[in-house]
Protein backbone atom coordinates (compact mmCIF):
# COMPACT_ATOMS: atom_id res chain seq x y z
CA UNK A 1 -11.08 -3.96 22.94
CA UNK A 2 -8.11 -1.64 23.46
CA UNK A 3 -6.47 -0.87 26.75
CA UNK A 4 -7.26 2.84 27.16
CA UNK A 5 -5.26 5.58 28.86
CA UNK A 6 -7.45 8.69 29.07
CA UNK A 7 -5.39 10.59 31.63
CA UNK A 8 -4.20 13.36 29.29
CA UNK A 9 -6.54 14.23 26.45
CA UNK A 10 -4.10 16.86 25.10
CA UNK A 11 -1.50 14.25 24.23
CA UNK A 12 -1.05 12.75 20.80
CA UNK A 13 -3.71 10.16 20.02
CA UNK A 14 -1.79 6.89 19.52
CA UNK A 15 -2.85 3.27 19.05
CA UNK A 16 -0.18 0.58 19.42
CA UNK A 17 -1.02 -2.44 17.26
CA UNK A 18 1.33 -4.76 19.12
CA UNK A 19 0.14 -4.02 22.67
CA UNK A 20 -3.42 -2.88 21.87
CA UNK A 21 -2.90 0.22 24.02
CA UNK A 22 -4.62 3.51 23.16
CA UNK A 23 -3.18 6.72 24.61
CA UNK A 24 -4.28 10.35 24.52
CA UNK A 25 -7.98 9.54 23.93
CA UNK A 26 -11.00 11.12 25.56
CA UNK A 27 -13.93 8.90 26.46
CA UNK A 28 -15.92 9.52 23.27
CA UNK A 29 -12.88 9.03 21.06
CA UNK A 30 -12.13 5.76 22.84
CA UNK A 31 -15.73 4.63 22.32
CA UNK A 32 -15.52 5.49 18.63
CA UNK A 33 -12.28 3.55 18.25
CA UNK A 34 -13.80 0.58 20.06
CA UNK A 35 -16.72 0.65 17.62
CA UNK A 36 -14.33 0.75 14.67
CA UNK A 37 -12.45 -2.24 16.02
CA UNK A 38 -15.68 -4.19 16.45
CA UNK A 39 -16.84 -3.20 12.97
CA UNK A 40 -13.63 -4.45 11.41
CA UNK A 41 -13.85 -7.74 13.28
CA UNK A 42 -17.44 -8.26 12.12
CA UNK A 43 -16.86 -7.37 8.46
CA UNK A 44 -13.39 -8.86 8.00
CA UNK A 45 -14.71 -12.33 6.95
CA UNK A 46 -16.58 -10.58 4.11
CA UNK A 47 -13.70 -8.49 2.79
CA UNK A 48 -14.81 -5.56 5.01
CA UNK A 49 -17.93 -5.05 2.91
CA UNK A 50 -20.00 -2.30 4.55
CA UNK A 51 -17.24 -1.25 6.94
CA UNK A 52 -17.14 2.32 5.61
CA UNK A 53 -20.71 2.87 6.83
CA UNK A 54 -19.61 2.12 10.37
CA UNK A 55 -16.63 4.45 10.00
CA UNK A 56 -18.90 7.33 9.09
CA UNK A 57 -21.07 6.58 12.12
CA UNK A 58 -17.97 6.41 14.31
CA UNK A 59 -16.76 9.77 13.11
CA UNK A 60 -19.94 11.39 14.41
CA UNK A 61 -19.25 9.99 17.89
CA UNK A 62 -15.61 11.06 18.09
CA UNK A 63 -15.07 14.53 19.53
CA UNK A 64 -11.53 15.01 18.26
CA UNK A 65 -10.40 16.07 14.81
CA UNK A 66 -6.80 15.17 15.64
CA UNK A 67 -4.98 12.58 13.62
CA UNK A 68 -4.75 9.11 15.02
CA UNK A 69 -1.20 7.75 14.96
CA UNK A 70 -0.93 3.98 14.67
CA UNK A 71 2.29 2.43 15.92
CA UNK A 72 2.77 -0.36 13.37
CA UNK A 73 5.89 -1.72 15.07
CA UNK A 74 8.63 -0.47 17.39
CA UNK A 75 10.07 1.76 14.63
CA UNK A 76 7.06 2.66 12.47
CA UNK A 77 4.43 5.36 13.02
CA UNK A 78 1.51 5.92 10.64
CA UNK A 79 -0.78 8.95 10.95
CA UNK A 80 -4.30 9.02 9.53
CA UNK A 81 -7.58 10.82 10.19
CA UNK A 82 -9.58 9.27 13.01
CA UNK A 83 -12.31 7.01 11.56
CA UNK A 84 -10.75 7.00 8.11
CA UNK A 85 -12.93 4.66 6.06
CA UNK A 86 -9.91 2.81 4.64
CA UNK A 87 -7.03 2.88 7.09
CA UNK A 88 -8.94 2.59 10.37
CA UNK A 89 -9.08 -1.18 9.79
CA UNK A 90 -5.57 -1.11 11.25
CA UNK A 91 -7.20 -0.58 14.66
CA UNK A 92 -8.16 -4.27 14.53
CA UNK A 93 -4.84 -5.84 15.45
CA UNK A 94 -6.01 -9.20 14.11
CA UNK A 95 -6.40 -7.68 10.65
CA UNK A 96 -3.51 -8.15 8.21
CA UNK A 97 -3.37 -5.43 5.58
CA UNK A 98 -2.23 -6.93 2.26
CA UNK A 99 -0.48 -9.85 3.93
CA UNK A 100 0.77 -10.93 0.51
CA UNK A 101 3.04 -7.85 0.43
CA UNK A 102 3.99 -7.94 4.09
CA UNK A 103 5.08 -11.59 3.81
CA UNK A 104 7.55 -10.73 1.05
CA UNK A 105 8.91 -7.62 2.78
CA UNK A 106 9.36 -9.48 6.07
CA UNK A 107 11.15 -12.37 4.38
CA UNK A 108 13.42 -9.96 2.47
CA UNK A 109 14.39 -7.90 5.52
CA UNK A 110 17.95 -9.21 5.36
CA UNK A 111 18.41 -8.46 1.66
CA UNK A 112 19.59 -5.12 0.33
CA UNK A 113 16.97 -3.54 -1.95
CA UNK A 114 15.15 -0.31 -2.73
CA UNK A 115 11.37 -0.09 -2.53
CA UNK A 116 9.76 2.07 -5.20
CA UNK A 117 6.30 2.62 -3.75
CA UNK A 118 4.10 3.78 -6.66
CA UNK A 119 0.67 4.88 -5.52
CA UNK A 120 2.01 5.25 -1.99
CA UNK A 121 -1.17 6.88 -0.65
CA UNK A 122 -0.36 7.87 2.97
CA UNK A 123 2.88 5.84 2.91
CA UNK A 124 2.00 2.62 4.75
CA UNK A 125 4.50 0.40 2.91
CA UNK A 126 7.11 3.14 2.78
CA UNK A 127 6.95 3.50 6.56
CA UNK A 128 7.21 -0.25 7.11
CA UNK A 129 9.95 -1.05 4.57
CA UNK A 130 12.16 1.71 5.98
CA UNK A 131 11.65 0.58 9.58
CA UNK A 132 14.20 -1.44 11.57
CA UNK A 133 12.17 -4.69 11.81
CA UNK A 134 11.80 -4.70 8.00
CA UNK A 135 15.49 -3.97 7.31
CA UNK A 136 15.71 -0.15 7.07
CA UNK A 137 15.55 -0.14 3.29
CA UNK A 138 15.87 2.81 0.95
CA UNK A 139 12.42 3.93 -0.23
CA UNK A 140 11.15 6.23 -2.96
CA UNK A 141 7.45 6.92 -2.31
CA UNK A 142 5.50 8.24 -5.31
CA UNK A 143 1.94 9.56 -4.99
CA UNK A 144 -0.13 11.31 -7.67
CA UNK A 145 -2.76 12.99 -5.50
CA UNK A 146 -1.57 16.31 -4.02
CA UNK A 147 -3.88 15.75 -1.02
CA UNK A 148 -2.48 12.30 -0.38
CA UNK A 149 1.04 13.63 -0.94
CA UNK A 150 0.53 15.97 2.03
CA UNK A 151 -0.34 12.95 4.16
CA UNK A 152 2.64 11.08 2.74
CA UNK A 153 4.97 13.93 3.76
CA UNK A 154 3.48 13.94 7.27
CA UNK A 155 4.28 10.25 7.68
CA UNK A 156 7.76 10.69 6.27
CA UNK A 157 8.48 13.46 8.81
CA UNK A 158 6.85 11.44 11.59
CA UNK A 159 9.45 8.74 10.93
CA UNK A 160 12.49 10.99 10.76
CA UNK A 161 12.28 11.78 7.02
CA UNK A 162 13.91 8.45 6.30
CA UNK A 163 12.28 8.01 2.88
CA UNK A 164 11.94 10.30 -0.13
CA UNK A 165 8.54 11.49 -1.39
CA UNK A 166 7.62 12.47 -4.94
CA UNK A 167 4.26 14.00 -5.99
CA UNK A 168 3.85 12.65 -9.53
CA UNK A 169 1.75 10.24 -11.59
CA UNK A 170 3.28 7.05 -12.99
CA UNK A 171 2.80 6.53 -16.73
CA UNK A 172 4.17 4.80 -19.79
CA UNK A 173 6.66 7.58 -20.50
CA UNK A 174 7.85 10.73 -18.80
CA UNK A 175 6.30 14.00 -19.93
CA UNK A 176 2.96 15.75 -19.76
CA UNK A 177 0.54 16.08 -16.90
CA UNK A 178 -2.30 14.27 -15.17
CA UNK A 179 -5.44 15.48 -13.45
CA UNK A 180 -6.46 13.64 -10.28
CA UNK A 181 -10.09 12.51 -10.01
CA UNK A 182 -12.20 10.53 -7.56
CA UNK A 183 -13.82 10.81 -4.14
CA UNK A 184 -11.99 8.16 -2.10
CA UNK A 185 -8.35 8.78 -1.29
CA UNK A 186 -7.55 5.10 -1.79
CA UNK A 187 -9.07 5.12 -5.29
CA UNK A 188 -7.99 8.42 -6.85
CA UNK A 189 -7.31 8.12 -10.59
CA UNK A 190 -4.76 10.01 -12.68
CA UNK A 191 -6.17 11.16 -16.03
CA UNK A 192 -3.58 12.33 -18.63
CA UNK A 193 -4.22 15.83 -19.99
CA UNK A 194 -2.59 17.77 -22.82
CA UNK A 195 -1.80 20.97 -20.93
CA UNK A 196 -1.02 21.87 -17.35
CA UNK A 197 -4.01 22.75 -15.17
CA UNK A 198 -4.30 23.90 -11.57
CA UNK A 199 -3.74 20.92 -9.31
CA UNK A 200 -2.32 18.74 -12.10
CA UNK A 201 0.88 16.76 -11.54
CA UNK A 202 3.62 15.71 -13.89
CA UNK A 203 3.71 12.22 -15.40
CA UNK A 204 6.87 10.16 -14.98
CA UNK A 205 7.86 6.66 -16.03
CA UNK A 206 9.93 4.34 -13.89
CA UNK A 207 12.62 4.15 -16.56
CA UNK A 208 12.48 7.95 -16.69
CA UNK A 209 13.16 8.08 -12.95
CA UNK A 210 16.20 5.88 -13.57
CA UNK A 211 17.38 8.48 -16.10
CA UNK A 212 16.78 11.22 -13.51
CA UNK A 213 18.97 9.38 -11.01
CA UNK A 214 16.12 8.71 -8.57
CA UNK A 215 16.29 4.93 -8.96
CA UNK A 216 19.55 2.95 -9.05
CA UNK A 217 19.11 0.23 -11.72
CA UNK A 218 22.21 -1.66 -10.56
CA UNK A 219 20.66 -2.65 -7.24
CA UNK A 220 17.80 -4.93 -6.24
CA UNK A 221 14.42 -3.26 -6.52
CA UNK A 222 10.91 -4.01 -5.31
CA UNK A 223 8.39 -1.99 -7.31
CA UNK A 224 4.89 -1.71 -5.89
CA UNK A 225 2.35 -0.56 -8.49
CA UNK A 226 -1.04 0.51 -7.16
CA UNK A 227 -1.91 3.21 -9.68
CA UNK A 228 -5.65 2.73 -10.19
CA UNK A 229 -5.93 1.36 -13.69
CA UNK A 230 -2.61 2.60 -15.08
CA UNK A 231 -0.68 -0.53 -14.13
CA UNK A 232 -0.21 -1.72 -17.72
CA UNK A 233 1.03 1.70 -18.87
CA UNK A 234 3.38 1.83 -15.88
CA UNK A 235 4.75 -1.62 -16.74
CA UNK A 236 5.45 -0.48 -20.30
CA UNK A 237 7.37 2.47 -18.85
CA UNK A 238 9.53 0.17 -16.71
CA UNK A 239 10.74 -2.33 -19.29
CA UNK A 240 14.38 -1.44 -18.75
CA UNK A 241 14.18 -1.56 -14.96
CA UNK A 242 12.35 -4.89 -15.01
CA UNK A 243 15.20 -6.60 -16.88
CA UNK A 244 17.38 -6.08 -13.80
CA UNK A 245 17.16 -7.76 -10.41
CA UNK A 246 13.67 -6.40 -9.79
CA UNK A 247 10.29 -7.69 -8.74
CA UNK A 248 7.08 -5.81 -9.45
CA UNK A 249 3.92 -6.05 -7.36
CA UNK A 250 0.86 -5.08 -9.42
CA UNK A 251 -2.71 -4.64 -8.33
CA UNK A 252 -5.10 -6.89 -10.29
CA UNK A 253 -8.40 -5.67 -8.87
CA UNK A 254 -11.20 -8.01 -7.89
CA UNK A 255 -13.64 -6.02 -10.01
CA UNK A 256 -11.72 -6.99 -13.17
CA UNK A 257 -12.85 -10.53 -13.93
CA UNK A 258 -10.78 -10.48 -17.14
CA UNK A 259 -7.58 -10.16 -15.06
CA UNK A 260 -6.17 -7.66 -17.57
CA UNK A 261 -2.98 -6.88 -15.65
CA UNK A 262 -2.05 -10.54 -15.21
CA UNK A 263 -2.93 -11.31 -18.82
CA UNK A 264 -0.62 -8.51 -19.94
CA UNK A 265 2.22 -9.83 -17.81
CA UNK A 266 1.75 -13.37 -19.14
CA UNK A 267 1.33 -12.45 -22.80
CA UNK A 268 3.56 -9.42 -23.27
CA UNK A 269 6.51 -9.77 -20.89
CA UNK A 270 9.16 -12.35 -20.13
CA UNK A 271 8.37 -12.14 -16.42
CA UNK A 272 7.22 -15.09 -14.34
CA UNK A 273 4.00 -14.30 -12.47
CA UNK A 274 2.95 -15.39 -8.97
CA UNK A 275 0.07 -14.73 -6.60
CA UNK A 276 -0.36 -15.27 -2.89
CA UNK A 277 -2.72 -18.18 -2.23
CA UNK A 278 -4.38 -17.88 1.21
CA UNK A 279 -5.19 -21.60 1.21
CA UNK A 280 -1.53 -22.52 0.65
CA UNK A 281 -0.33 -19.63 2.87
CA UNK A 282 2.28 -18.93 0.25
CA UNK A 283 2.88 -17.89 -3.34
CA UNK A 284 1.94 -20.01 -6.33
CA UNK A 285 2.80 -19.58 -10.03
CA UNK A 286 0.22 -18.03 -12.35
CA UNK A 287 0.54 -20.03 -15.56
CA UNK A 288 -3.03 -19.35 -16.66
CA UNK A 289 -5.59 -17.01 -15.15
CA UNK A 290 -7.68 -19.90 -13.79
CA UNK A 291 -6.03 -19.59 -10.37
CA UNK A 292 -7.10 -15.93 -10.25
CA UNK A 293 -10.76 -16.88 -10.68
CA UNK A 294 -10.48 -18.77 -7.38
CA UNK A 295 -8.34 -16.36 -5.38
CA UNK A 296 -9.99 -13.06 -6.38
CA UNK A 297 -13.11 -13.64 -4.28
CA UNK A 298 -14.38 -10.08 -3.73
CA UNK A 299 -15.12 -7.56 -6.44
CA UNK A 300 -14.42 -4.62 -4.12
CA UNK A 301 -10.95 -5.79 -2.99
CA UNK A 302 -7.60 -5.12 -4.63
CA UNK A 303 -5.43 -8.20 -5.17
CA UNK A 304 -1.73 -8.27 -6.01
CA UNK A 305 0.30 -10.33 -8.43
CA UNK A 306 4.09 -10.54 -8.33
CA UNK A 307 6.24 -10.68 -11.47
CA UNK A 308 9.97 -11.07 -11.90
CA UNK A 309 12.68 -12.36 -14.21
CA UNK A 310 15.10 -12.69 -11.29
CA UNK A 311 15.86 -16.15 -9.91
CA UNK A 312 16.71 -14.53 -6.57
CA UNK A 313 13.26 -12.96 -6.23
CA UNK A 314 11.55 -16.10 -7.53
CA UNK A 315 13.32 -18.20 -4.89
CA UNK A 316 12.50 -15.60 -2.25
CA UNK A 317 8.81 -15.76 -3.12
CA UNK A 318 8.56 -19.54 -3.22
CA UNK A 319 10.38 -19.94 0.11
CA UNK A 320 8.12 -17.42 1.90
CA UNK A 321 5.08 -18.47 3.92
CA UNK A 322 2.57 -16.54 6.00
CA UNK A 323 0.87 -17.37 9.27
CA UNK A 324 -2.42 -15.52 9.73
CA UNK A 325 -3.25 -14.00 13.09
C-alpha cells in the first residue's frame, strides 16, 4: 500500500514508483489507488486478466478527474487518467511493464542511439528512453490516434519537450491516409482509406521518414513497432533502415498462434530474431516458432520479438539479463 500525503488536495496527483509515495490525493482517491494496486497484485500472475473490471470499479470511487502523474524514475514523469484500465498497472511498483524492452534499453543506456517509438500511445517508452537513467537518447514518438497523440504531447511537455511527437500512421509506404478505429486506447487500429476524412491521419513509412530527414540512417536506431496488426507492412516500409545498425522490436501478439510477425521475419528478411525468455531471464534466438508456443502464454497479452542484422545489437541482446522484482 502506498504512503499517502493528503495534506493538500489541490496539488498535482503524483505517485512515485520508487518510493511508493502518493501526493496530492484526497481520501477517496487514495482508497481507489490502493484498490488498483491490490487488483494488479492479484491479477498479475494471470497476465492481469480481469484487471480492467477492477479499474472501472475504482473509477467510481475516485472523486477526482485530474490526471495521475506517475514518477517512473528521478527524471521521468508519465501522466495518465486516474484508473486507466491499461496504464494504472504502473501503480503496482512490483509490476514490470514489458520488461523485455526495459532490459534492452537499460543495458544500452551507455550507447548512442535514436529510439523511433512507433505506436507510442501515451509515450511511456519515449519518456523513459529520453530520461537521464536511460541515457538521454534522441526519440521520435509516432502515434496514429489523434486522441492518444494529445496524451503523447502532454507527456512530452511534462518532461521538458525533450522528444519529438508525430501524429501519423506507420505503413508500408508513405502516402494516403488512415482512419483510426477501436474502443481501447491501447488497441486502436489504423485502417487505410483512399481519401482524406475528418479525423484521418497521414500514412508514413519508416524509410519515408528517413527521406524526410526525421530519422538519421547513419546512426544506431532502436525501432519499436506496436502498430496493431500493421507490423508486417511497417517492416516492408523499413527495409532500407533495417540494413543499417538498427534493431526492431515487433509485437507478436499472444492471440496470434500462427506467430505471423515472427514467421515473416524468419522467412522474408535477413534479420536474426530473438525473444525474451522469462525462464532464462534473458534473450534467446528464434530459429523456429516452437519457442514462441512456450513463451506466448496468454492470448490477451502482447509479446515482443527483436530482430537485427547488426552484430553490435545481437551482442547487446545476448549479454543482457533481467532480474524480476
